[in-house]
Amino acid sequence: MKIGIIGAGAVGSACLTAAVQRRVAREIIMVNRNRDRRRD
């Protein structure tokens, strides 16, 4: 399964953390409008 998360703010980060901890997807893509929060 793939998951797409829009927004790297508090809610997006919480969703990302929960998805990683529960191992619900093989691939997670996070998209944010503000490039300053981007991590590679």
PDB file of N, CA and C in Angstrom:
ATOM      1  N   MET A   1       0.839  -1.165   0.000  1.00  0.00           N
ATOM      2  CA  MET A   1       0.000   0.000   0.000  1.00  0.00           C
ATOM      3  C   MET A   1       0.893   1.240   0.000  1.00  0.00           C
ATOM      4  N   LYS A   2       0.427   2.292  -0.635  1.00  0.00           N
ATOM      5  CA  LYS A   2       1.111   3.581  -0.638  1.00  0.00           C
ATOM      6  C   LYS A   2       0.235   4.600   0.072  1.00  0.00           C
ATOM      7  N   ILE A   3       0.887   5.531   0.774  1.00  0.00           N
ATOM      8  CA  ILE A   3       0.172   6.605   1.464  1.00  0.00           C
ATOM      9  C   ILE A   3       0.765   7.928   1.030  1.00  0.00           C
ATOM     10  N   GLY A   4      -0.084   8.898   0.744  1.00  0.00           N
ATOM     11  CA  GLY A   4       0.355  10.257   0.447  1.00  0.00           C
ATOM     12  C   GLY A   4      -0.127  11.192   1.539  1.00  0.00           C
ATOM     13  N   ILE A   5       0.778  11.991   2.086  1.00  0.00           N
ATOM     14  CA  ILE A   5       0.436  12.944   3.142  1.00  0.00           C
ATOM     15  C   ILE A   5       0.733  14.337   2.612  1.00  0.00           C
ATOM     16  N   ILE A   6      -0.260  15.196   2.673  1.00  0.00           N
ATOM     17  CA  ILE A   6      -0.090  16.569   2.199  1.00  0.00           C
ATOM     18  C   ILE A   6       0.046  17.469   3.418  1.00  0.00           C
ATOM     19  N   GLY A   7       1.203  18.144   3.510  1.00  0.00           N
ATOM     20  CA  GLY A   7       1.457  19.053   4.622  1.00  0.00           C
ATOM     21  C   GLY A   7       2.409  18.450   5.629  1.00  0.00           C
ATOM     22  N   ALA A   8       3.462  19.195   5.949  1.00  0.00           N
ATOM     23  CA  ALA A   8       4.473  18.715   6.896  1.00  0.00           C
ATOM     24  C   ALA A   8       4.374  19.435   8.231  1.00  0.00           C
ATOM     25  N   GLY A   9       3.209  19.948   8.536  1.00  0.00           N
ATOM     26  CA  GLY A   9       3.014  20.618   9.820  1.00  0.00           C
ATOM     27  C   GLY A   9       2.778  19.606  10.925  1.00  0.00           C
ATOM     28  N   ALA A  10       2.125  20.036  11.969  1.00  0.00           N
ATOM     29  CA  ALA A  10       1.902  19.180  13.137  1.00  0.00           C
ATOM     30  C   ALA A  10       1.030  17.974  12.800  1.00  0.00           C
ATOM     31  N   VAL A  11      -0.044  18.180  12.059  1.00  0.00           N
ATOM     32  CA  VAL A  11      -0.956  17.077  11.730  1.00  0.00           C
ATOM     33  C   VAL A  11      -0.304  16.109  10.753  1.00  0.00           C
ATOM     34  N   GLY A  12       0.351  16.632   9.726  1.00  0.00           N
ATOM     35  CA  GLY A  12       1.031  15.776   8.761  1.00  0.00           C
ATOM     36  C   GLY A  12       2.132  14.953   9.405  1.00  0.00           C
ATOM     37  N   SER A  13       2.892  15.580  10.283  1.00  0.00           N
ATOM     38  CA  SER A  13       3.961  14.864  10.985  1.00  0.00           C
ATOM     39  C   SER A  13       3.399  13.782  11.904  1.00  0.00           C
ATOM     40  N   ALA A  14       2.286  14.073  12.554  1.00  0.00           N
ATOM     41  CA  ALA A  14       1.651  13.075  13.421  1.00  0.00           C
ATOM     42  C   ALA A  14       1.143  11.892  12.597  1.00  0.00           C
ATOM     43  N   CYS A  15       0.565  12.168  11.436  1.00  0.00           N
ATOM     44  CA  CYS A  15       0.104  11.089  10.549  1.00  0.00           C
ATOM     45  C   CYS A  15       1.275  10.247  10.062  1.00  0.00           C
ATOM     46  N   LEU A  16       2.367  10.906   9.709  1.00  0.00           N
ATOM     47  CA  LEU A  16       3.558  10.194   9.257  1.00  0.00           C
ATOM     48  C   LEU A  16       4.105   9.296  10.359  1.00  0.00           C
ATOM     49  N   THR A  17       4.210   9.817  11.554  1.00  0.00           N
ATOM     50  CA  THR A  17       4.719   9.042  12.687  1.00  0.00           C
ATOM     51  C   THR A  17       3.839   7.825  12.964  1.00  0.00           C
ATOM     52  N   ALA A  18       2.531   8.023  12.957  1.00  0.00           N
ATOM     53  CA  ALA A  18       1.609   6.924  13.218  1.00  0.00           C
ATOM     54  C   ALA A  18       1.702   5.854  12.132  1.00  0.00           C
ATOM     55  N   ALA A  19       1.807   6.277  10.878  1.00  0.00           N
ATOM     56  CA  ALA A  19       1.892   5.322   9.774  1.00  0.00           C
ATOM     57  C   ALA A  19       3.183   4.512   9.837  1.00  0.00           C
ATOM     58  N   VAL A  20       4.287   5.167  10.194  1.00  0.00           N
ATOM     59  CA  VAL A  20       5.568   4.464  10.295  1.00  0.00           C
ATOM     60  C   VAL A  20       5.548   3.482  11.469  1.00  0.00           C
ATOM     61  N   GLN A  21       5.032   3.915  12.602  1.00  0.00           N
ATOM     62  CA  GLN A  21       5.006   3.043  13.778  1.00  0.00           C
ATOM     63  C   GLN A  21       4.112   1.823  13.569  1.00  0.00           C
ATOM     64  N   ARG A  22       3.012   2.001  12.858  1.00  0.00           N
ATOM     65  CA  ARG A  22       2.075   0.890  12.632  1.00  0.00           C
ATOM     66  C   ARG A  22       2.417   0.050  11.401  1.00  0.00           C
ATOM     67  N   ARG A  23       3.394   0.526  10.631  1.00  0.00           N
ATOM     68  CA  ARG A  23       3.830  -0.188   9.419  1.00  0.00           C
ATOM     69  C   ARG A  23       2.660  -0.506   8.503  1.00  0.00           C
ATOM     70  N   VAL A  24       1.878   0.513   8.175  1.00  0.00           N
ATOM     71  CA  VAL A  24       0.688   0.309   7.357  1.00  0.00           C
ATOM     72  C   VAL A  24       0.953   0.460   5.864  1.00  0.00           C
ATOM     73  N   ALA A  25       2.125   0.917   5.479  1.00  0.00           N
ATOM     74  CA  ALA A  25       2.398   1.132   4.059  1.00  0.00           C
ATOM     75  C   ALA A  25       3.836   0.770   3.735  1.00  0.00           C
ATOM     76  N   ARG A  26       4.041   0.383   2.475  1.00  0.00           N
ATOM     77  CA  ARG A  26       5.401   0.118   2.004  1.00  0.00           C
ATOM     78  C   ARG A  26       6.065   1.405   1.538  1.00  0.00           C
ATOM     79  N   GLU A  27       5.257   2.374   1.121  1.00  0.00           N
ATOM     80  CA  GLU A  27       5.795   3.637   0.609  1.00  0.00           C
ATOM     81  C   GLU A  27       4.954   4.788   1.136  1.00  0.00           C
ATOM     82  N   ILE A  28       5.629   5.817   1.651  1.00  0.00           N
ATOM     83  CA  ILE A  28       4.946   7.014   2.151  1.00  0.00           C
ATOM     84  C   ILE A  28       5.562   8.220   1.466  1.00  0.00           C
ATOM     85  N   ILE A  29       4.711   9.038   0.879  1.00  0.00           N
ATOM     86  CA  ILE A  29       5.161  10.255   0.210  1.00  0.00           C
ATOM     87  C   ILE A  29       4.570  11.447   0.950  1.00  0.00           C
ATOM     88  N   MET A  30       5.439  12.376   1.332  1.00  0.00           N
ATOM     89  CA  MET A  30       4.988  13.577   2.033  1.00  0.00           C
ATOM     90  C   MET A  30       5.258  14.784   1.147  1.00  0.00           C
ATOM     91  N   VAL A  31       4.231  15.584   0.914  1.00  0.00           N
ATOM     92  CA  VAL A  31       4.329  16.766   0.063  1.00  0.00           C
ATOM     93  C   VAL A  31       4.025  17.991   0.900  1.00  0.00           C
ATOM     94  N   ASN A  32       4.875  19.005   0.756  1.00  0.00           N
ATOM     95  CA  ASN A  32       4.665  20.244   1.502  1.00  0.00           C
ATOM     96  C   ASN A  32       4.933  21.431   0.589  1.00  0.00           C
ATOM     97  N   ARG A  33       4.201  22.486   0.750  1.00  0.00           N
ATOM     98  CA  ARG A  33       4.388  23.679  -0.058  1.00  0.00           C
ATOM     99  C   ARG A  33       5.630  24.448   0.341  1.00  0.00           C
ATOM    100  N   ASN A  34       5.978  24.401   1.617  1.00  0.00           N
ATOM    101  CA  ASN A  34       7.130  25.119   2.141  1.00  0.00           C
ATOM    102  C   ASN A  34       8.363  24.230   2.036  1.00  0.00           C
ATOM    103  N   ARG A  35       9.315  24.580   1.177  1.00  0.00           N
ATOM    104  CA  ARG A  35      10.496  23.739   0.967  1.00  0.00           C
ATOM    105  C   ARG A  35      11.474  23.776   2.130  1.00  0.00           C
ATOM    106  N   ASP A  36      11.332  24.720   3.054  1.00  0.00           N
ATOM    107  CA  ASP A  36      12.247  24.819   4.183  1.00  0.00           C
ATOM    108  C   ASP A  36      12.139  23.610   5.119  1.00  0.00           C
ATOM    109  N   ARG A  37      11.022  22.924   5.137  1.00  0.00           N
ATOM    110  CA  ARG A  37      10.834  21.770   6.015  1.00  0.00           C
ATOM    111  C   ARG A  37      11.218  20.459   5.362  1.00  0.00           C
ATOM    112  N   ARG A  38      11.700  20.507   4.139  1.00  0.00           N
ATOM    113  CA  ARG A  38      12.000  19.302   3.393  1.00  0.00           C
ATOM    114  C   ARG A  38      13.216  18.581   3.951  1.00  0.00           C
ATOM    115  N   ARG A  39      13.133  17.262   4.009  1.00  0.00           N
ATOM    116  CA  ARG A  39      14.260  16.415   4.416  1.00  0.00           C
ATOM    117  C   ARG A  39      14.434  15.338   3.357  1.00  0.00           C
ATOM    118  N   ASP A  40      15.680  15.022   3.051  1.00  0.00           N
ATOM    119  CA  ASP A  40      15.957  13.953   2.084  1.00  0.00           C
ATOM    120  C   ASP A  40      16.436  12.709   2.786  1.00  0.00           C
TER     121      ASP A  40
END
